[in-house]
């Protein structure tokens, strides 16, 4: 299920000046630094950072604090799609179970930081 505009509004308070959200990926932790814990997280990708937001214990999509802020060059992954749990994303020492609909967002975020992965704009003057 896509995230509501309310969730995006709650995440905007954690943005730096001039930053905007490019991708927002919700997930439930399987492990944090190899310890089994179940906590809701939001992975917020901007043009400058990858920010991992820890969510409220009782509400999965209500961020309460910044867990970790990583440089934008950080690759999201590895992404295990063939897992018995569903897609599992590893980022910042956390393994997150994500919904299948967010696989495309993870891959798009990784593609943007890969050198030469995107073709040049065929119509740059438009």
PDB file of N, CA and C in Angstrom:
ATOM      1  N   UNK A   1       0.848  -1.172   0.000  1.00  0.00           N
ATOM      2  CA  UNK A   1       0.000   0.000   0.000  1.00  0.00           C
ATOM      3  C   UNK A   1       0.899   1.243   0.000  1.00  0.00           C
ATOM      4  N   UNK A   2       0.650   2.187  -0.884  1.00  0.00           N
ATOM      5  CA  UNK A   2       1.454   3.411  -0.931  1.00  0.00           C
ATOM      6  C   UNK A   2       1.302   4.217   0.364  1.00  0.00           C
ATOM      7  N   UNK A   3       2.354   4.944   0.697  1.00  0.00           N
ATOM      8  CA  UNK A   3       2.320   5.766   1.903  1.00  0.00           C
ATOM      9  C   UNK A   3       1.477   7.010   1.664  1.00  0.00           C
ATOM     10  N   UNK A   4       0.777   7.428   2.686  1.00  0.00           N
ATOM     11  CA  UNK A   4      -0.100   8.600   2.567  1.00  0.00           C
ATOM     12  C   UNK A   4       0.717   9.886   2.608  1.00  0.00           C
ATOM     13  N   UNK A   5       0.083  10.964   2.222  1.00  0.00           N
ATOM     14  CA  UNK A   5       0.738  12.271   2.265  1.00  0.00           C
ATOM     15  C   UNK A   5       1.021  12.688   3.709  1.00  0.00           C
ATOM     16  N   UNK A   6       0.243  12.185   4.665  1.00  0.00           N
ATOM     17  CA  UNK A   6       0.483  12.490   6.076  1.00  0.00           C
ATOM     18  C   UNK A   6       1.830  11.933   6.537  1.00  0.00           C
ATOM     19  N   UNK A   7       2.157  10.733   6.060  1.00  0.00           N
ATOM     20  CA  UNK A   7       3.435  10.122   6.432  1.00  0.00           C
ATOM     21  C   UNK A   7       4.574  10.946   5.844  1.00  0.00           C
ATOM     22  N   UNK A   8       4.442  11.346   4.582  1.00  0.00           N
ATOM     23  CA  UNK A   8       5.475  12.186   3.961  1.00  0.00           C
ATOM     24  C   UNK A   8       5.622  13.520   4.702  1.00  0.00           C
ATOM     25  N   UNK A   9       4.508  14.098   5.120  1.00  0.00           N
ATOM     26  CA  UNK A   9       4.563  15.358   5.877  1.00  0.00           C
ATOM     27  C   UNK A   9       5.294  15.175   7.196  1.00  0.00           C
ATOM     28  N   UNK A  10       5.069  14.044   7.874  1.00  0.00           N
ATOM     29  CA  UNK A  10       5.767  13.777   9.132  1.00  0.00           C
ATOM     30  C   UNK A  10       7.268  13.616   8.913  1.00  0.00           C
ATOM     31  N   UNK A  11       7.651  13.069   7.766  1.00  0.00           N
ATOM     32  CA  UNK A  11       9.067  12.852   7.463  1.00  0.00           C
ATOM     33  C   UNK A  11       9.774  14.139   7.062  1.00  0.00           C
ATOM     34  N   UNK A  12       9.041  15.103   6.539  1.00  0.00           N
ATOM     35  CA  UNK A  12       9.658  16.358   6.082  1.00  0.00           C
ATOM     36  C   UNK A  12      10.344  17.126   7.203  1.00  0.00           C
ATOM     37  N   UNK A  13       9.912  16.947   8.433  1.00  0.00           N
ATOM     38  CA  UNK A  13      10.547  17.663   9.534  1.00  0.00           C
ATOM     39  C   UNK A  13      11.973  17.183   9.792  1.00  0.00           C
ATOM     40  N   UNK A  14      12.357  16.043   9.207  1.00  0.00           N
ATOM     41  CA  UNK A  14      13.706  15.515   9.362  1.00  0.00           C
ATOM     42  C   UNK A  14      14.612  15.862   8.178  1.00  0.00           C
ATOM     43  N   UNK A  15      14.106  16.661   7.249  1.00  0.00           N
ATOM     44  CA  UNK A  15      14.890  17.057   6.087  1.00  0.00           C
ATOM     45  C   UNK A  15      15.785  18.241   6.411  1.00  0.00           C
ATOM     46  N   UNK A  16      16.918  18.318   5.701  1.00  0.00           N
ATOM     47  CA  UNK A  16      17.774  19.486   5.799  1.00  0.00           C
ATOM     48  C   UNK A  16      17.217  20.604   4.928  1.00  0.00           C
ATOM     49  N   UNK A  17      17.811  21.767   5.008  1.00  0.00           N
ATOM     50  CA  UNK A  17      17.370  22.910   4.216  1.00  0.00           C
ATOM     51  C   UNK A  17      17.561  22.621   2.733  1.00  0.00           C
ATOM     52  N   UNK A  18      16.515  22.779   1.958  1.00  0.00           N
ATOM     53  CA  UNK A  18      16.579  22.582   0.518  1.00  0.00           C
ATOM     54  C   UNK A  18      16.474  21.133   0.072  1.00  0.00           C
ATOM     55  N   UNK A  19      16.368  20.193   0.990  1.00  0.00           N
ATOM     56  CA  UNK A  19      16.234  18.780   0.611  1.00  0.00           C
ATOM     57  C   UNK A  19      14.783  18.465   0.303  1.00  0.00           C
ATOM     58  N   UNK A  20      14.596  17.470  -0.546  1.00  0.00           N
ATOM     59  CA  UNK A  20      13.243  16.976  -0.807  1.00  0.00           C
ATOM     60  C   UNK A  20      13.277  15.467  -0.900  1.00  0.00           C
ATOM     61  N   UNK A  21      12.192  14.848  -0.529  1.00  0.00           N
ATOM     62  CA  UNK A  21      12.099  13.390  -0.516  1.00  0.00           C
ATOM     63  C   UNK A  21      12.003  12.878  -1.944  1.00  0.00           C
ATOM     64  N   UNK A  22      12.894  11.959  -2.298  1.00  0.00           N
ATOM     65  CA  UNK A  22      12.825  11.305  -3.596  1.00  0.00           C
ATOM     66  C   UNK A  22      12.134   9.944  -3.466  1.00  0.00           C
ATOM     67  N   UNK A  23      12.525   9.186  -2.462  1.00  0.00           N
ATOM     68  CA  UNK A  23      11.937   7.866  -2.215  1.00  0.00           C
ATOM     69  C   UNK A  23      11.707   7.715  -0.719  1.00  0.00           C
ATOM     70  N   UNK A  24      10.622   7.056  -0.365  1.00  0.00           N
ATOM     71  CA  UNK A  24      10.310   6.762   1.022  1.00  0.00           C
ATOM     72  C   UNK A  24       9.874   5.310   1.083  1.00  0.00           C
ATOM     73  N   UNK A  25      10.657   4.502   1.788  1.00  0.00           N
ATOM     74  CA  UNK A  25      10.454   3.053   1.791  1.00  0.00           C
ATOM     75  C   UNK A  25      10.198   2.595   3.231  1.00  0.00           C
ATOM     76  N   UNK A  26       9.000   2.089   3.526  1.00  0.00           N
ATOM     77  CA  UNK A  26       8.724   1.583   4.874  1.00  0.00           C
ATOM     78  C   UNK A  26       9.194   0.140   5.013  1.00  0.00           C
ATOM     79  N   UNK A  27       9.565  -0.217   6.217  1.00  0.00           N
ATOM     80  CA  UNK A  27       9.962  -1.597   6.468  1.00  0.00           C
ATOM     81  C   UNK A  27       9.881  -1.932   7.949  1.00  0.00           C
ATOM     82  N   UNK A  28       9.866  -3.227   8.217  1.00  0.00           N
ATOM     83  CA  UNK A  28       9.863  -3.735   9.584  1.00  0.00           C
ATOM     84  C   UNK A  28      11.180  -4.467   9.801  1.00  0.00           C
ATOM     85  N   UNK A  29      11.893  -4.109  10.850  1.00  0.00           N
ATOM     86  CA  UNK A  29      13.208  -4.709  11.065  1.00  0.00           C
ATOM     87  C   UNK A  29      13.074  -6.184  11.425  1.00  0.00           C
ATOM     88  N   UNK A  30      14.008  -6.950  10.883  1.00  0.00           N
ATOM     89  CA  UNK A  30      14.150  -8.356  11.246  1.00  0.00           C
ATOM     90  C   UNK A  30      15.268  -8.454  12.278  1.00  0.00           C
ATOM     91  N   UNK A  31      16.355  -7.725  11.987  1.00  0.00           N
ATOM     92  CA  UNK A  31      17.466  -7.666  12.935  1.00  0.00           C
ATOM     93  C   UNK A  31      18.133  -6.304  12.831  1.00  0.00           C
ATOM     94  N   UNK A  32      18.688  -5.880  13.963  1.00  0.00           N
ATOM     95  CA  UNK A  32      19.442  -4.631  14.034  1.00  0.00           C
ATOM     96  C   UNK A  32      20.810  -4.999  14.590  1.00  0.00           C
ATOM     97  N   UNK A  33      21.846  -4.794  13.771  1.00  0.00           N
ATOM     98  CA  UNK A  33      23.200  -5.196  14.137  1.00  0.00           C
ATOM     99  C   UNK A  33      23.250  -6.649  14.623  1.00  0.00           C
ATOM    100  N   UNK A  34      22.568  -7.505  13.894  1.00  0.00           N
ATOM    101  CA  UNK A  34      22.504  -8.960  14.111  1.00  0.00           C
ATOM    102  C   UNK A  34      21.742  -9.375  15.360  1.00  0.00           C
ATOM    103  N   UNK A  35      20.979  -8.476  15.947  1.00  0.00           N
ATOM    104  CA  UNK A  35      20.116  -8.821  17.073  1.00  0.00           C
ATOM    105  C   UNK A  35      18.674  -8.789  16.581  1.00  0.00           C
ATOM    106  N   UNK A  36      17.897  -9.803  16.907  1.00  0.00           N
ATOM    107  CA  UNK A  36      16.516  -9.877  16.447  1.00  0.00           C
ATOM    108  C   UNK A  36      15.663  -8.836  17.172  1.00  0.00           C
ATOM    109  N   UNK A  37      15.130  -7.903  16.384  1.00  0.00           N
ATOM    110  CA  UNK A  37      14.257  -6.862  16.921  1.00  0.00           C
ATOM    111  C   UNK A  37      13.213  -6.519  15.863  1.00  0.00           C
ATOM    112  N   UNK A  38      12.010  -6.235  16.294  1.00  0.00           N
ATOM    113  CA  UNK A  38      10.943  -5.847  15.381  1.00  0.00           C
ATOM    114  C   UNK A  38      10.526  -4.412  15.674  1.00  0.00           C
ATOM    115  N   UNK A  39      11.044  -3.511  14.824  1.00  0.00           N
ATOM    116  CA  UNK A  39      10.764  -2.088  14.954  1.00  0.00           C
ATOM    117  C   UNK A  39      10.434  -1.561  13.566  1.00  0.00           C
ATOM    118  N   UNK A  40       9.492  -0.650  13.468  1.00  0.00           N
ATOM    119  CA  UNK A  40       9.161  -0.048  12.182  1.00  0.00           C
ATOM    120  C   UNK A  40      10.173   1.039  11.821  1.00  0.00           C
ATOM    121  N   UNK A  41      10.566   1.060  10.555  1.00  0.00           N
ATOM    122  CA  UNK A  41      11.505   2.061  10.056  1.00  0.00           C
ATOM    123  C   UNK A  41      11.000   2.623   8.739  1.00  0.00           C
ATOM    124  N   UNK A  42      11.453   3.825   8.425  1.00  0.00           N
ATOM    125  CA  UNK A  42      11.242   4.432   7.119  1.00  0.00           C
ATOM    126  C   UNK A  42      12.616   4.796   6.567  1.00  0.00           C
ATOM    127  N   UNK A  43      12.900   4.361   5.349  1.00  0.00           N
ATOM    128  CA  UNK A  43      14.144   4.730   4.679  1.00  0.00           C
ATOM    129  C   UNK A  43      13.787   5.887   3.759  1.00  0.00           C
ATOM    130  N   UNK A  44      14.323   7.068   4.086  1.00  0.00           N
ATOM    131  CA  UNK A  44      14.020   8.272   3.328  1.00  0.00           C
ATOM    132  C   UNK A  44      15.245   8.635   2.487  1.00  0.00           C
ATOM    133  N   UNK A  45      15.079   8.614   1.172  1.00  0.00           N
ATOM    134  CA  UNK A  45      16.163   8.932   0.249  1.00  0.00           C
ATOM    135  C   UNK A  45      15.906  10.328  -0.308  1.00  0.00           C
ATOM    136  N   UNK A  46      16.924  11.198  -0.160  1.00  0.00           N
ATOM    137  CA  UNK A  46      16.853  12.541  -0.724  1.00  0.00           C
ATOM    138  C   UNK A  46      17.999  12.698  -1.716  1.00  0.00           C
ATOM    139  N   UNK A  47      18.157  13.890  -2.251  1.00  0.00           N
ATOM    140  CA  UNK A  47      19.267  14.115  -3.177  1.00  0.00           C
ATOM    141  C   UNK A  47      20.606  14.192  -2.453  1.00  0.00           C
ATOM    142  N   UNK A  48      20.616  14.336  -1.112  1.00  0.00           N
ATOM    143  CA  UNK A  48      21.859  14.460  -0.354  1.00  0.00           C
ATOM    144  C   UNK A  48      22.144  13.323   0.617  1.00  0.00           C
ATOM    145  N   UNK A  49      21.097  12.688   1.131  1.00  0.00           N
ATOM    146  CA  UNK A  49      21.271  11.687   2.187  1.00  0.00           C
ATOM    147  C   UNK A  49      20.343  10.484   2.011  1.00  0.00           C
ATOM    148  N   UNK A  50      20.714   9.419   2.693  1.00  0.00           N
ATOM    149  CA  UNK A  50      19.806   8.312   2.959  1.00  0.00           C
ATOM    150  C   UNK A  50      19.611   8.346   4.469  1.00  0.00           C
ATOM    151  N   UNK A  51      18.404   8.655   4.891  1.00  0.00           N
ATOM    152  CA  UNK A  51      18.105   8.804   6.315  1.00  0.00           C
ATOM    153  C   UNK A  51      17.200   7.664   6.744  1.00  0.00           C
ATOM    154  N   UNK A  52      17.614   6.996   7.821  1.00  0.00           N
ATOM    155  CA  UNK A  52      16.806   5.911   8.373  1.00  0.00           C
ATOM    156  C   UNK A  52      16.086   6.475   9.586  1.00  0.00           C
ATOM    157  N   UNK A  53      14.758   6.463   9.512  1.00  0.00           N
ATOM    158  CA  UNK A  53      13.923   7.007  10.583  1.00  0.00           C
ATOM    159  C   UNK A  53      13.300   5.871  11.378  1.00  0.00           C
ATOM    160  N   UNK A  54      13.500   5.891  12.692  1.00  0.00           N
ATOM    161  CA  UNK A  54      12.846   4.915  13.568  1.00  0.00           C
ATOM    162  C   UNK A  54      11.430   5.402  13.836  1.00  0.00           C
ATOM    163  N   UNK A  55      10.502   4.473  13.859  1.00  0.00           N
ATOM    164  CA  UNK A  55       9.089   4.834  14.038  1.00  0.00           C
ATOM    165  C   UNK A  55       8.613   4.516  15.449  1.00  0.00           C
ATOM    166  N   UNK A  56       7.457   5.032  15.750  1.00  0.00           N
ATOM    167  CA  UNK A  56       6.822   4.804  17.036  1.00  0.00           C
ATOM    168  C   UNK A  56       6.606   3.312  17.254  1.00  0.00           C
ATOM    169  N   UNK A  57       6.660   2.913  18.494  1.00  0.00           N
ATOM    170  CA  UNK A  57       6.472   1.499  18.818  1.00  0.00           C
ATOM    171  C   UNK A  57       5.063   1.017  18.437  1.00  0.00           C
ATOM    172  N   UNK A  58       4.093   1.901  18.538  1.00  0.00           N
ATOM    173  CA  UNK A  58       2.709   1.498  18.317  1.00  0.00           C
ATOM    174  C   UNK A  58       2.197   1.851  16.926  1.00  0.00           C
ATOM    175  N   UNK A  59       2.862   2.754  16.239  1.00  0.00           N
ATOM    176  CA  UNK A  59       2.435   3.149  14.898  1.00  0.00           C
ATOM    177  C   UNK A  59       3.603   3.023  13.944  1.00  0.00           C
ATOM    178  N   UNK A  60       3.467   2.137  13.007  1.00  0.00           N
ATOM    179  CA  UNK A  60       4.562   1.739  12.133  1.00  0.00           C
ATOM    180  C   UNK A  60       5.055   2.862  11.224  1.00  0.00           C
ATOM    181  N   UNK A  61       4.201   3.772  10.793  1.00  0.00           N
ATOM    182  CA  UNK A  61       4.584   4.829   9.860  1.00  0.00           C
ATOM    183  C   UNK A  61       4.599   6.210  10.490  1.00  0.00           C
ATOM    184  N   UNK A  62       4.914   6.278  11.780  1.00  0.00           N
ATOM    185  CA  UNK A  62       5.013   7.563  12.477  1.00  0.00           C
ATOM    186  C   UNK A  62       6.448   7.706  13.000  1.00  0.00           C
ATOM    187  N   UNK A  63       7.307   8.440  12.247  1.00  0.00           N
ATOM    188  CA  UNK A  63       8.706   8.552  12.667  1.00  0.00           C
ATOM    189  C   UNK A  63       8.860   9.344  13.960  1.00  0.00           C
ATOM    190  N   UNK A  64       9.784   8.870  14.810  1.00  0.00           N
ATOM    191  CA  UNK A  64      10.026   9.534  16.084  1.00  0.00           C
ATOM    192  C   UNK A  64      11.437  10.087  16.197  1.00  0.00           C
ATOM    193  N   UNK A  65      12.389   9.510  15.438  1.00  0.00           N
ATOM    194  CA  UNK A  65      13.765   9.989  15.522  1.00  0.00           C
ATOM    195  C   UNK A  65      14.580   9.521  14.327  1.00  0.00           C
ATOM    196  N   UNK A  66      15.701  10.195  14.123  1.00  0.00           N
ATOM    197  CA  UNK A  66      16.630   9.761  13.088  1.00  0.00           C
ATOM    198  C   UNK A  66      17.492   8.660  13.687  1.00  0.00           C
ATOM    199  N   UNK A  67      17.448   7.491  13.070  1.00  0.00           N
ATOM    200  CA  UNK A  67      18.257   6.373  13.533  1.00  0.00           C
ATOM    201  C   UNK A  67      19.687   6.529  13.016  1.00  0.00           C
ATOM    202  N   UNK A  68      19.792   6.841  11.712  1.00  0.00           N
ATOM    203  CA  UNK A  68      21.099   7.042  11.106  1.00  0.00           C
ATOM    204  C   UNK A  68      20.952   7.853   9.831  1.00  0.00           C
ATOM    205  N   UNK A  69      21.933   8.711   9.564  1.00  0.00           N
ATOM    206  CA  UNK A  69      21.953   9.496   8.332  1.00  0.00           C
ATOM    207  C   UNK A  69      23.218   9.101   7.585  1.00  0.00           C
ATOM    208  N   UNK A  70      23.038   8.613   6.369  1.00  0.00           N
ATOM    209  CA  UNK A  70      24.133   8.128   5.543  1.00  0.00           C
ATOM    210  C   UNK A  70      24.289   9.023   4.324  1.00  0.00           C
ATOM    211  N   UNK A  71      25.473   9.054   3.711  1.00  0.00           N
ATOM    212  CA  UNK A  71      25.630   9.834   2.477  1.00  0.00           C
ATOM    213  C   UNK A  71      24.774   9.255   1.356  1.00  0.00           C
ATOM    214  N   UNK A  72      24.413  10.092   0.398  1.00  0.00           N
ATOM    215  CA  UNK A  72      23.553   9.650  -0.709  1.00  0.00           C
ATOM    216  C   UNK A  72      24.215   8.551  -1.543  1.00  0.00           C
ATOM    217  N   UNK A  73      25.529   8.497  -1.545  1.00  0.00           N
ATOM    218  CA  UNK A  73      26.236   7.473  -2.320  1.00  0.00           C
ATOM    219  C   UNK A  73      26.083   6.077  -1.726  1.00  0.00           C
ATOM    220  N   UNK A  74      25.398   5.948  -0.597  1.00  0.00           N
ATOM    221  CA  UNK A  74      25.175   4.656   0.036  1.00  0.00           C
ATOM    222  C   UNK A  74      24.207   3.829  -0.797  1.00  0.00           C
ATOM    223  N   UNK A  75      24.623   2.607  -1.109  1.00  0.00           N
ATOM    224  CA  UNK A  75      23.748   1.703  -1.859  1.00  0.00           C
ATOM    225  C   UNK A  75      22.767   1.050  -0.894  1.00  0.00           C
ATOM    226  N   UNK A  76      21.525   0.999  -1.298  1.00  0.00           N
ATOM    227  CA  UNK A  76      20.503   0.321  -0.506  1.00  0.00           C
ATOM    228  C   UNK A  76      20.574  -1.160  -0.852  1.00  0.00           C
ATOM    229  N   UNK A  77      20.977  -1.944   0.069  1.00  0.00           N
ATOM    230  CA  UNK A  77      21.053  -3.362  -0.231  1.00  0.00           C
ATOM    231  C   UNK A  77      22.221  -4.010   0.477  1.00  0.00           C
ATOM    232  N   UNK A  78      22.379  -5.270   0.273  1.00  0.00           N
ATOM    233  CA  UNK A  78      21.749  -6.059  -0.778  1.00  0.00           C
ATOM    234  C   UNK A  78      20.257  -6.261  -0.519  1.00  0.00           C
ATOM    235  N   UNK A  79      19.580  -6.494  -1.602  1.00  0.00           N
ATOM    236  CA  UNK A  79      18.142  -6.723  -1.583  1.00  0.00           C
ATOM    237  C   UNK A  79      17.908  -8.184  -1.906  1.00  0.00           C
ATOM    238  N   UNK A  80      17.410  -8.932  -0.940  1.00  0.00           N
ATOM    239  CA  UNK A  80      17.101 -10.342  -1.151  1.00  0.00           C
ATOM    240  C   UNK A  80      15.618 -10.467  -1.493  1.00  0.00           C
ATOM    241  N   UNK A  81      15.346 -10.803  -2.732  1.00  0.00           N
ATOM    242  CA  UNK A  81      13.960 -10.920  -3.155  1.00  0.00           C
ATOM    243  C   UNK A  81      13.437 -12.333  -2.940  1.00  0.00           C
ATOM    244  N   UNK A  82      14.308 -13.310  -3.051  1.00  0.00           N
ATOM    245  CA  UNK A  82      13.916 -14.714  -2.910  1.00  0.00           C
ATOM    246  C   UNK A  82      14.064 -15.166  -1.466  1.00  0.00           C
ATOM    247  N   UNK A  83      13.345 -14.542  -0.567  1.00  0.00           N
ATOM    248  CA  UNK A  83      13.385 -14.882   0.852  1.00  0.00           C
ATOM    249  C   UNK A  83      12.034 -15.424   1.268  1.00  0.00           C
ATOM    250  N   UNK A  84      12.032 -16.299   2.265  1.00  0.00           N
ATOM    251  CA  UNK A  84      10.754 -16.837   2.740  1.00  0.00           C
ATOM    252  C   UNK A  84       9.932 -15.761   3.441  1.00  0.00           C
ATOM    253  N   UNK A  85      10.585 -14.692   3.906  1.00  0.00           N
ATOM    254  CA  UNK A  85       9.886 -13.603   4.577  1.00  0.00           C
ATOM    255  C   UNK A  85       9.261 -12.614   3.606  1.00  0.00           C
ATOM    256  N   UNK A  86       9.798 -12.545   2.423  1.00  0.00           N
ATOM    257  CA  UNK A  86       9.465 -11.493   1.476  1.00  0.00           C
ATOM    258  C   UNK A  86      10.750 -10.748   1.193  1.00  0.00           C
ATOM    259  N   UNK A  87      10.700  -9.648   0.459  1.00  0.00           N
ATOM    260  CA  UNK A  87      11.928  -8.902   0.160  1.00  0.00           C
ATOM    261  C   UNK A  87      12.579  -8.372   1.447  1.00  0.00           C
ATOM    262  N   UNK A  88      13.885  -8.563   1.553  1.00  0.00           N
ATOM    263  CA  UNK A  88      14.645  -8.107   2.713  1.00  0.00           C
ATOM    264  C   UNK A  88      15.721  -7.142   2.224  1.00  0.00           C
ATOM    265  N   UNK A  89      15.737  -5.947   2.794  1.00  0.00           N
ATOM    266  CA  UNK A  89      16.668  -4.894   2.432  1.00  0.00           C
ATOM    267  C   UNK A  89      17.633  -4.676   3.591  1.00  0.00           C
ATOM    268  N   UNK A  90      18.933  -4.642   3.295  1.00  0.00           N
ATOM    269  CA  UNK A  90      19.940  -4.362   4.317  1.00  0.00           C
ATOM    270  C   UNK A  90      20.486  -2.960   4.096  1.00  0.00           C
ATOM    271  N   UNK A  91      20.404  -2.128   5.122  1.00  0.00           N
ATOM    272  CA  UNK A  91      20.942  -0.771   5.040  1.00  0.00           C
ATOM    273  C   UNK A  91      21.277  -0.290   6.453  1.00  0.00           C
ATOM    274  N   UNK A  92      22.467   0.272   6.618  1.00  0.00           N
ATOM    275  CA  UNK A  92      22.862   0.829   7.904  1.00  0.00           C
ATOM    276  C   UNK A  92      22.866  -0.159   9.051  1.00  0.00           C
ATOM    277  N   UNK A  93      23.212  -1.417   8.800  1.00  0.00           N
ATOM    278  CA  UNK A  93      23.241  -2.422   9.858  1.00  0.00           C
ATOM    279  C   UNK A  93      21.881  -2.976  10.237  1.00  0.00           C
ATOM    280  N   UNK A  94      20.854  -2.621   9.476  1.00  0.00           N
ATOM    281  CA  UNK A  94      19.494  -3.079   9.758  1.00  0.00           C
ATOM    282  C   UNK A  94      19.008  -3.923   8.592  1.00  0.00           C
ATOM    283  N   UNK A  95      18.381  -5.041   8.897  1.00  0.00           N
ATOM    284  CA  UNK A  95      17.707  -5.833   7.867  1.00  0.00           C
ATOM    285  C   UNK A  95      16.217  -5.551   7.991  1.00  0.00           C
ATOM    286  N   UNK A  96      15.643  -5.046   6.891  1.00  0.00           N
ATOM    287  CA  UNK A  96      14.241  -4.653   6.888  1.00  0.00           C
ATOM    288  C   UNK A  96      13.446  -5.528   5.935  1.00  0.00           C
ATOM    289  N   UNK A  97      12.326  -6.013   6.398  1.00  0.00           N
ATOM    290  CA  UNK A  97      11.384  -6.681   5.506  1.00  0.00           C
ATOM    291  C   UNK A  97      10.525  -5.582   4.896  1.00  0.00           C
ATOM    292  N   UNK A  98      10.495  -5.527   3.558  1.00  0.00           N
ATOM    293  CA  UNK A  98       9.719  -4.497   2.863  1.00  0.00           C
ATOM    294  C   UNK A  98       8.654  -5.170   2.004  1.00  0.00           C
ATOM    295  N   UNK A  99       7.659  -4.406   1.607  1.00  0.00           N
ATOM    296  CA  UNK A  99       6.636  -4.914   0.701  1.00  0.00           C
ATOM    297  C   UNK A  99       7.203  -4.986  -0.714  1.00  0.00           C
ATOM    298  N   UNK A 100       6.691  -5.902  -1.500  1.00  0.00           N
ATOM    299  CA  UNK A 100       7.175  -6.099  -2.872  1.00  0.00           C
ATOM    300  C   UNK A 100       7.042  -4.856  -3.728  1.00  0.00           C
ATOM    301  N   UNK A 101       6.067  -4.022  -3.468  1.00  0.00           N
ATOM    302  CA  UNK A 101       5.857  -2.832  -4.294  1.00  0.00           C
ATOM    303  C   UNK A 101       6.990  -1.817  -4.158  1.00  0.00           C
ATOM    304  N   UNK A 102       7.837  -1.936  -3.130  1.00  0.00           N
ATOM    305  CA  UNK A 102       8.936  -0.994  -2.931  1.00  0.00           C
ATOM    306  C   UNK A 102      10.257  -1.478  -3.519  1.00  0.00           C
ATOM    307  N   UNK A 103      10.279  -2.646  -4.127  1.00  0.00           N
ATOM    308  CA  UNK A 103      11.488  -3.154  -4.787  1.00  0.00           C
ATOM    309  C   UNK A 103      11.910  -2.190  -5.890  1.00  0.00           C
ATOM    310  N   UNK A 104      10.962  -1.692  -6.656  1.00  0.00           N
ATOM    311  CA  UNK A 104      11.269  -0.755  -7.742  1.00  0.00           C
ATOM    312  C   UNK A 104      11.891   0.530  -7.202  1.00  0.00           C
ATOM    313  N   UNK A 105      11.424   1.024  -6.056  1.00  0.00           N
ATOM    314  CA  UNK A 105      11.989   2.241  -5.470  1.00  0.00           C
ATOM    315  C   UNK A 105      13.429   2.009  -5.016  1.00  0.00           C
ATOM    316  N   UNK A 106      13.708   0.845  -4.441  1.00  0.00           N
ATOM    317  CA  UNK A 106      15.075   0.513  -4.011  1.00  0.00           C
ATOM    318  C   UNK A 106      15.994   0.457  -5.223  1.00  0.00           C
ATOM    319  N   UNK A 107      15.553  -0.228  -6.251  1.00  0.00           N
ATOM    320  CA  UNK A 107      16.377  -0.350  -7.459  1.00  0.00           C
ATOM    321  C   UNK A 107      16.574   0.995  -8.149  1.00  0.00           C
ATOM    322  N   UNK A 108      15.551   1.838  -8.173  1.00  0.00           N
ATOM    323  CA  UNK A 108      15.678   3.160  -8.793  1.00  0.00           C
ATOM    324  C   UNK A 108      16.644   4.041  -7.994  1.00  0.00           C
ATOM    325  N   UNK A 109      16.576   3.982  -6.675  1.00  0.00           N
ATOM    326  CA  UNK A 109      17.493   4.769  -5.845  1.00  0.00           C
ATOM    327  C   UNK A 109      18.935   4.327  -6.066  1.00  0.00           C
ATOM    328  N   UNK A 110      19.166   3.027  -6.191  1.00  0.00           N
ATOM    329  CA  UNK A 110      20.511   2.517  -6.448  1.00  0.00           C
ATOM    330  C   UNK A 110      20.987   2.869  -7.849  1.00  0.00           C
ATOM    331  N   UNK A 111      20.090   2.854  -8.796  1.00  0.00           N
ATOM    332  CA  UNK A 111      20.451   3.163 -10.171  1.00  0.00           C
ATOM    333  C   UNK A 111      20.892   4.616 -10.318  1.00  0.00           C
ATOM    334  N   UNK A 112      20.288   5.504  -9.565  1.00  0.00           N
ATOM    335  CA  UNK A 112      20.635   6.922  -9.644  1.00  0.00           C
ATOM    336  C   UNK A 112      22.070   7.210  -9.212  1.00  0.00           C
ATOM    337  N   UNK A 113      22.616   6.409  -8.305  1.00  0.00           N
ATOM    338  CA  UNK A 113      23.986   6.664  -7.842  1.00  0.00           C
ATOM    339  C   UNK A 113      25.030   5.904  -8.648  1.00  0.00           C
ATOM    340  N   UNK A 114      24.601   4.977  -9.502  1.00  0.00           N
ATOM    341  CA  UNK A 114      25.545   4.203 -10.312  1.00  0.00           C
ATOM    342  C   UNK A 114      26.072   5.071 -11.450  1.00  0.00           C
ATOM    343  N   UNK A 115      27.381   5.083 -11.631  1.00  0.00           N
ATOM    344  CA  UNK A 115      28.011   5.886 -12.686  1.00  0.00           C
ATOM    345  C   UNK A 115      27.640   5.354 -14.069  1.00  0.00           C
ATOM    346  N   UNK A 116      27.176   6.211 -14.928  1.00  0.00           N
ATOM    347  CA  UNK A 116      26.893   5.846 -16.314  1.00  0.00           C
ATOM    348  C   UNK A 116      25.730   4.886 -16.501  1.00  0.00           C
ATOM    349  N   UNK A 117      24.934   4.679 -15.461  1.00  0.00           N
ATOM    350  CA  UNK A 117      23.837   3.725 -15.575  1.00  0.00           C
ATOM    351  C   UNK A 117      22.633   4.316 -16.304  1.00  0.00           C
ATOM    352  N   UNK A 118      22.472   5.613 -16.196  1.00  0.00           N
ATOM    353  CA  UNK A 118      21.336   6.251 -16.855  1.00  0.00           C
ATOM    354  C   UNK A 118      21.760   6.805 -18.215  1.00  0.00           C
ATOM    355  N   UNK A 119      20.941   6.645 -19.241  1.00  0.00           N
ATOM    356  CA  UNK A 119      21.284   7.211 -20.538  1.00  0.00           C
ATOM    357  C   UNK A 119      21.141   8.740 -20.515  1.00  0.00           C
ATOM    358  N   UNK A 120      21.827   9.390 -21.441  1.00  0.00           N
ATOM    359  CA  UNK A 120      21.700  10.848 -21.523  1.00  0.00           C
ATOM    360  C   UNK A 120      20.310  11.214 -22.000  1.00  0.00           C
ATOM    361  N   UNK A 121      19.882  12.404 -21.618  1.00  0.00           N
ATOM    362  CA  UNK A 121      18.577  12.906 -22.019  1.00  0.00           C
ATOM    363  C   UNK A 121      18.576  13.147 -23.528  1.00  0.00           C
ATOM    364  N   UNK A 122      17.687  12.472 -24.272  1.00  0.00           N
ATOM    365  CA  UNK A 122      17.684  12.641 -25.731  1.00  0.00           C
ATOM    366  C   UNK A 122      17.187  14.015 -26.180  1.00  0.00           C
ATOM    367  N   UNK A 123      16.411  14.692 -25.340  1.00  0.00           N
ATOM    368  CA  UNK A 123      15.876  16.006 -25.661  1.00  0.00           C
ATOM    369  C   UNK A 123      16.158  16.986 -24.535  1.00  0.00           C
ATOM    370  N   UNK A 124      17.414  17.375 -24.350  1.00  0.00           N
ATOM    371  CA  UNK A 124      17.754  18.224 -23.206  1.00  0.00           C
ATOM    372  C   UNK A 124      17.188  19.628 -23.279  1.00  0.00           C
ATOM    373  N   UNK A 125      16.769  20.078 -24.455  1.00  0.00           N
ATOM    374  CA  UNK A 125      16.284  21.456 -24.600  1.00  0.00           C
ATOM    375  C   UNK A 125      14.805  21.605 -24.244  1.00  0.00           C
ATOM    376  N   UNK A 126      14.130  20.533 -23.989  1.00  0.00           N
ATOM    377  CA  UNK A 126      12.698  20.625 -23.674  1.00  0.00           C
ATOM    378  C   UNK A 126      12.460  20.915 -22.225  1.00  0.00           C
TER     379      UNK A 126
END
